[in-house]
Amino acid sequence: LGIDQHKRQLTVNLRNEDGSVILKRQVSTGWEKVRTFFADLAEKAKSDDGFMAILEVCGMNPRGRQGRGRQRGCQGQALNVNFTACEG
């Protein structure tokens, strides 16, 4: 699961191991929408032992880095911190 985090939305792209797109959408960053999205994803990913998440963080919001991924079915995380894109 690739996650590009912005102030008002998460752009997510879920692919299987051969690279085929399974899900591509935008999710509101409102907590209820985020919780619903990850609860649904965790349920769907159970049969595949969860999912791997790659999160691009631009420094504006540390929410995604709080170590709660495993609670939501995520089996691993990789951070791509892009400081150049964050410079104003």
C-alpha atoms as a PDB file:
ATOM      1  CA  LEU A   1       0.000   0.000   0.000  1.00  0.00           C
ATOM      2  CA  GLY A   2       1.543   3.279  -1.102  1.00  0.00           C
ATOM      3  CA  ILE A   3       0.273   6.253   0.898  1.00  0.00           C
ATOM      4  CA  ASP A   4       0.918   9.862  -0.100  1.00  0.00           C
ATOM      5  CA  GLN A   5      -0.241  11.968   2.837  1.00  0.00           C
ATOM      6  CA  HIS A   6      -1.604  15.466   2.334  1.00  0.00           C
ATOM      7  CA  LYS A   7      -3.449  17.835   4.638  1.00  0.00           C
ATOM      8  CA  ARG A   8      -6.964  16.930   3.479  1.00  0.00           C
ATOM      9  CA  GLN A   9      -6.512  13.567   1.800  1.00  0.00           C
ATOM     10  CA  LEU A  10      -4.476  10.398   1.570  1.00  0.00           C
ATOM     11  CA  THR A  11      -3.779   9.202  -1.942  1.00  0.00           C
ATOM     12  CA  VAL A  12      -3.520   5.412  -1.704  1.00  0.00           C
ATOM     13  CA  ASN A  13      -2.404   2.830  -4.234  1.00  0.00           C
ATOM     14  CA  LEU A  14      -2.592  -0.864  -3.358  1.00  0.00           C
ATOM     15  CA  ARG A  15      -0.845  -3.379  -5.589  1.00  0.00           C
ATOM     16  CA  ASN A  16      -0.344  -7.109  -5.425  1.00  0.00           C
ATOM     17  CA  GLU A  17       3.070  -8.789  -5.553  1.00  0.00           C
ATOM     18  CA  ASP A  18       3.228  -8.742  -9.364  1.00  0.00           C
ATOM     19  CA  GLY A  19       2.527  -4.977  -9.410  1.00  0.00           C
ATOM     20  CA  SER A  20      -1.067  -5.067 -10.623  1.00  0.00           C
ATOM     21  CA  VAL A  21      -3.236  -2.297  -9.163  1.00  0.00           C
ATOM     22  CA  ILE A  22      -5.840  -3.614  -6.723  1.00  0.00           C
ATOM     23  CA  LEU A  23      -7.077  -0.283  -5.366  1.00  0.00           C
ATOM     24  CA  LYS A  24      -6.331   3.339  -6.222  1.00  0.00           C
ATOM     25  CA  ARG A  25      -8.243   6.152  -4.535  1.00  0.00           C
ATOM     26  CA  GLN A  26      -8.210   9.181  -2.298  1.00  0.00           C
ATOM     27  CA  VAL A  27      -9.310   8.993   1.331  1.00  0.00           C
ATOM     28  CA  SER A  28     -10.262  11.998   3.424  1.00  0.00           C
ATOM     29  CA  THR A  29      -7.923  12.629   6.365  1.00  0.00           C
ATOM     30  CA  GLY A  30     -10.922  12.940   8.679  1.00  0.00           C
ATOM     31  CA  TRP A  31     -10.266  10.351  11.390  1.00  0.00           C
ATOM     32  CA  GLU A  32     -13.550   8.480  10.875  1.00  0.00           C
ATOM     33  CA  LYS A  33     -12.864   8.101   7.123  1.00  0.00           C
ATOM     34  CA  VAL A  34      -9.270   6.969   7.775  1.00  0.00           C
ATOM     35  CA  ARG A  35     -10.347   4.441  10.418  1.00  0.00           C
ATOM     36  CA  THR A  36     -13.068   3.055   8.153  1.00  0.00           C
ATOM     37  CA  PHE A  37     -10.677   2.730   5.207  1.00  0.00           C
ATOM     38  CA  PHE A  38      -8.027   0.872   7.236  1.00  0.00           C
ATOM     39  CA  ALA A  39     -10.577  -1.347   8.996  1.00  0.00           C
ATOM     40  CA  ASP A  40     -11.973  -2.411   5.600  1.00  0.00           C
ATOM     41  CA  LEU A  41      -8.483  -2.909   4.176  1.00  0.00           C
ATOM     42  CA  ALA A  42      -7.333  -4.959   7.187  1.00  0.00           C
ATOM     43  CA  GLU A  43     -10.365  -7.221   6.841  1.00  0.00           C
ATOM     44  CA  LYS A  44      -9.764  -7.755   3.114  1.00  0.00           C
ATOM     45  CA  ALA A  45      -6.025  -8.357   3.650  1.00  0.00           C
ATOM     46  CA  LYS A  46      -6.434 -10.992   6.398  1.00  0.00           C
ATOM     47  CA  SER A  47      -6.292 -13.888   3.954  1.00  0.00           C
ATOM     48  CA  ASP A  48      -2.947 -12.568   2.618  1.00  0.00           C
ATOM     49  CA  ASP A  49      -1.398 -12.073   6.095  1.00  0.00           C
ATOM     50  CA  GLY A  50      -1.925  -8.306   5.956  1.00  0.00           C
ATOM     51  CA  PHE A  51      -0.183  -5.739   3.794  1.00  0.00           C
ATOM     52  CA  MET A  52       3.019  -3.687   3.559  1.00  0.00           C
ATOM     53  CA  ALA A  53       2.719   0.097   3.729  1.00  0.00           C
ATOM     54  CA  ILE A  54       5.013   2.732   2.257  1.00  0.00           C
ATOM     55  CA  LEU A  55       4.226   6.180   3.630  1.00  0.00           C
ATOM     56  CA  GLU A  56       5.501   9.414   2.139  1.00  0.00           C
ATOM     57  CA  VAL A  57       5.685  11.962   4.947  1.00  0.00           C
ATOM     58  CA  CYS A  58       6.201  15.640   4.289  1.00  0.00           C
ATOM     59  CA  GLY A  59       6.672  16.743   7.910  1.00  0.00           C
ATOM     60  CA  MET A  60       3.296  18.431   8.281  1.00  0.00           C
ATOM     61  CA  ASN A  61       1.574  15.584  10.110  1.00  0.00           C
ATOM     62  CA  PRO A  62       3.211  12.813  12.165  1.00  0.00           C
ATOM     63  CA  ARG A  63      -0.033  10.776  12.563  1.00  0.00           C
ATOM     64  CA  GLY A  64       1.046   8.005  10.233  1.00  0.00           C
ATOM     65  CA  ARG A  65       4.291   7.414  12.093  1.00  0.00           C
ATOM     66  CA  GLN A  66       2.876   6.614  15.525  1.00  0.00           C
ATOM     67  CA  GLY A  67       3.505   2.880  15.313  1.00  0.00           C
ATOM     68  CA  ARG A  68      -0.131   1.843  15.069  1.00  0.00           C
ATOM     69  CA  GLY A  69       0.158   0.077  11.732  1.00  0.00           C
ATOM     70  CA  ARG A  70       0.086  -3.462  13.108  1.00  0.00           C
ATOM     71  CA  GLN A  71      -3.200  -2.703  14.857  1.00  0.00           C
ATOM     72  CA  ARG A  72      -4.664  -2.047  11.403  1.00  0.00           C
ATOM     73  CA  GLY A  73      -3.321  -5.156   9.654  1.00  0.00           C
ATOM     74  CA  CYS A  74      -0.088  -3.661   8.316  1.00  0.00           C
ATOM     75  CA  GLN A  75       2.814  -6.140   8.390  1.00  0.00           C
ATOM     76  CA  GLY A  76       5.597  -3.656   7.619  1.00  0.00           C
ATOM     77  CA  GLN A  77       6.289   0.004   6.993  1.00  0.00           C
ATOM     78  CA  ALA A  78       8.823   1.966   5.008  1.00  0.00           C
ATOM     79  CA  LEU A  79       9.073   5.736   5.236  1.00  0.00           C
ATOM     80  CA  ASN A  80       9.976   7.980   2.343  1.00  0.00           C
ATOM     81  CA  VAL A  81      10.620  11.384   3.873  1.00  0.00           C
ATOM     82  CA  ASN A  82      10.755  13.926   1.070  1.00  0.00           C
ATOM     83  CA  PHE A  83      12.219  17.101   2.568  1.00  0.00           C
ATOM     84  CA  THR A  84      12.772  18.848  -0.772  1.00  0.00           C
ATOM     85  CA  ALA A  85       9.066  18.801  -1.597  1.00  0.00           C
ATOM     86  CA  CYS A  86       8.299  20.276   1.841  1.00  0.00           C
ATOM     87  CA  GLU A  87      10.529  23.309   1.590  1.00  0.00           C
ATOM     88  CA  GLY A  88       8.532  26.494   1.172  1.00  0.00           C
END
